[in-house]
Amino acid sequence: LEPHHSHFVLVPGNNWGDESPWIAAIASHMAGSAPSLTIVSNGGEITWQDVAQSVNAERSTVILGGSGRTADGLAAALRGEPCDDRAYPLVASGLLRTVDMKREAPHLGQLLRSHLSFQ
């Protein structure tokens, strides 16, 4: 464990991805009644699980389109383009939003502030 980190959460599991439900649960617990969101940049196979867990937790998810792999697949799905079948139920949740990093990167800070402020 990194000695400069103040806290650790150790979860059960033997495989990459076993931590996905724990990440979502811990984020919900730590946020309490405060707003929270998931940010997806690039990502691989486990990212699909992470996004699904965020959706199951009813957490808004910002997809950084143009950052690569899973994020780009989800961004394509949000645009209505052909995509991985795993994207369809995630998009249907209404909890995903994409930010095109080529055009909207300067506005990312404002978007995050608006999602994380109490309404």
Protein backbone atom coordinates (compact mmCIF):
# COMPACT_ATOMS: atom_id res chain seq x y z
CA LEU A 1 0.00 0.00 0.00
CA GLU A 2 1.21 3.49 -0.80
CA PRO A 3 2.42 5.08 2.47
CA HIS A 4 1.41 8.59 1.35
CA HIS A 5 -2.28 7.65 1.01
CA SER A 6 -4.34 8.25 4.11
CA HIS A 7 -7.18 5.75 3.55
CA PHE A 8 -7.70 2.41 1.84
CA VAL A 9 -10.73 0.30 1.06
CA LEU A 10 -9.95 -3.37 0.62
CA VAL A 11 -12.68 -5.42 -1.03
CA PRO A 12 -13.11 -9.13 -1.60
CA GLY A 13 -12.48 -10.69 -4.97
CA ASN A 14 -9.95 -12.50 -7.07
CA ASN A 15 -10.49 -10.93 -10.48
CA TRP A 16 -10.15 -7.53 -12.10
CA GLY A 17 -13.62 -5.98 -11.99
CA ASP A 18 -14.67 -7.55 -8.68
CA GLU A 19 -14.25 -4.07 -7.22
CA SER A 20 -16.88 -2.46 -9.49
CA PRO A 21 -19.92 -2.81 -7.20
CA TRP A 22 -17.82 -1.72 -4.24
CA ILE A 23 -16.67 1.47 -5.97
CA ALA A 24 -20.27 2.45 -6.68
CA ALA A 25 -21.44 1.59 -3.16
CA ILE A 26 -18.59 3.46 -1.49
CA ALA A 27 -19.15 6.52 -3.70
CA SER A 28 -22.84 6.52 -2.74
CA HIS A 29 -22.01 6.13 0.94
CA MET A 30 -19.39 8.88 0.90
CA ALA A 31 -21.63 11.30 -1.02
CA GLY A 32 -24.57 10.75 1.31
CA SER A 33 -27.18 13.32 0.31
CA ALA A 34 -24.68 15.36 -1.72
CA PRO A 35 -24.71 15.04 -5.50
CA SER A 36 -22.13 12.79 -7.12
CA LEU A 37 -21.29 11.65 -10.61
CA THR A 38 -19.11 9.24 -12.50
CA ILE A 39 -16.67 10.45 -15.14
CA VAL A 40 -15.63 8.02 -17.88
CA SER A 41 -12.42 8.67 -19.76
CA ASN A 42 -11.16 5.99 -22.15
CA GLY A 43 -11.58 2.65 -20.36
CA GLY A 44 -11.63 -1.01 -21.21
CA GLU A 45 -13.74 -4.06 -20.44
CA ILE A 46 -14.12 -3.32 -16.72
CA THR A 47 -15.31 0.19 -17.48
CA TRP A 48 -18.53 -1.34 -18.83
CA GLN A 49 -19.09 -2.88 -15.39
CA ASP A 50 -18.20 0.36 -13.63
CA VAL A 51 -20.69 2.35 -15.72
CA ALA A 52 -23.40 -0.28 -15.19
CA GLN A 53 -22.83 -0.09 -11.43
CA SER A 54 -23.09 3.70 -11.54
CA VAL A 55 -26.34 3.43 -13.46
CA ASN A 56 -27.62 0.86 -10.94
CA ALA A 57 -26.79 3.39 -8.22
CA GLU A 58 -28.74 6.01 -10.24
CA ARG A 59 -25.61 8.16 -10.52
CA SER A 60 -25.22 10.64 -13.38
CA THR A 61 -22.35 9.68 -15.65
CA VAL A 62 -20.35 12.03 -17.85
CA ILE A 63 -18.70 10.35 -20.83
CA LEU A 64 -15.59 12.11 -22.17
CA GLY A 65 -16.09 11.54 -25.89
CA GLY A 66 -12.86 11.45 -27.84
CA SER A 67 -10.86 10.00 -24.95
CA GLY A 68 -10.85 6.49 -26.42
CA ARG A 69 -12.20 2.97 -26.20
CA THR A 70 -15.23 2.45 -23.91
CA ALA A 71 -15.89 6.17 -23.54
CA ASP A 72 -15.98 6.58 -27.31
CA GLY A 73 -18.30 3.58 -27.65
CA LEU A 74 -20.71 5.08 -25.13
CA ALA A 75 -20.47 8.49 -26.80
CA ALA A 76 -21.35 6.86 -30.13
CA ALA A 77 -24.36 5.18 -28.52
CA LEU A 78 -25.51 8.51 -27.11
CA ARG A 79 -25.36 9.94 -30.63
CA GLY A 80 -27.52 7.05 -31.86
CA GLU A 81 -24.72 5.40 -33.79
CA PRO A 82 -24.15 1.61 -33.91
CA CYS A 83 -22.35 0.45 -30.81
CA ASP A 84 -21.61 -2.39 -28.42
CA ASP A 85 -24.86 -4.02 -27.22
CA ARG A 86 -23.86 -3.28 -23.62
CA ALA A 87 -24.35 0.43 -24.31
CA TYR A 88 -28.07 0.31 -25.07
CA PRO A 89 -29.43 -0.25 -21.53
CA LEU A 90 -26.92 2.24 -20.11
CA VAL A 91 -28.02 4.94 -22.55
CA ALA A 92 -31.69 4.06 -21.96
CA SER A 93 -31.23 4.87 -18.27
CA GLY A 94 -31.11 8.57 -19.12
CA LEU A 95 -28.20 8.98 -16.71
CA LEU A 96 -25.42 9.30 -19.30
CA ARG A 97 -24.25 12.49 -20.92
CA THR A 98 -21.36 12.95 -23.29
CA VAL A 99 -18.88 15.79 -23.50
CA ASP A 100 -17.04 15.99 -26.82
CA MET A 101 -13.51 16.72 -25.68
CA LYS A 102 -12.59 18.35 -29.01
CA ARG A 103 -15.41 20.89 -28.88
CA GLU A 104 -16.65 21.08 -25.29
CA ALA A 105 -13.53 20.63 -23.15
CA PRO A 106 -13.44 24.32 -22.18
CA HIS A 107 -16.94 23.93 -20.71
CA LEU A 108 -16.23 20.74 -18.75
CA GLY A 109 -15.59 22.59 -15.48
CA GLN A 110 -18.94 24.38 -15.66
CA LEU A 111 -20.74 21.14 -16.51
CA LEU A 112 -19.20 19.39 -13.51
CA ARG A 113 -20.04 22.30 -11.19
CA SER A 114 -23.65 22.27 -12.40
CA HIS A 115 -23.94 18.52 -11.78
CA LEU A 116 -22.35 18.73 -8.36
CA SER A 117 -24.22 21.74 -6.99
CA PHE A 118 -27.28 21.32 -4.85
CA GLN A 119 -30.45 22.19 -6.74
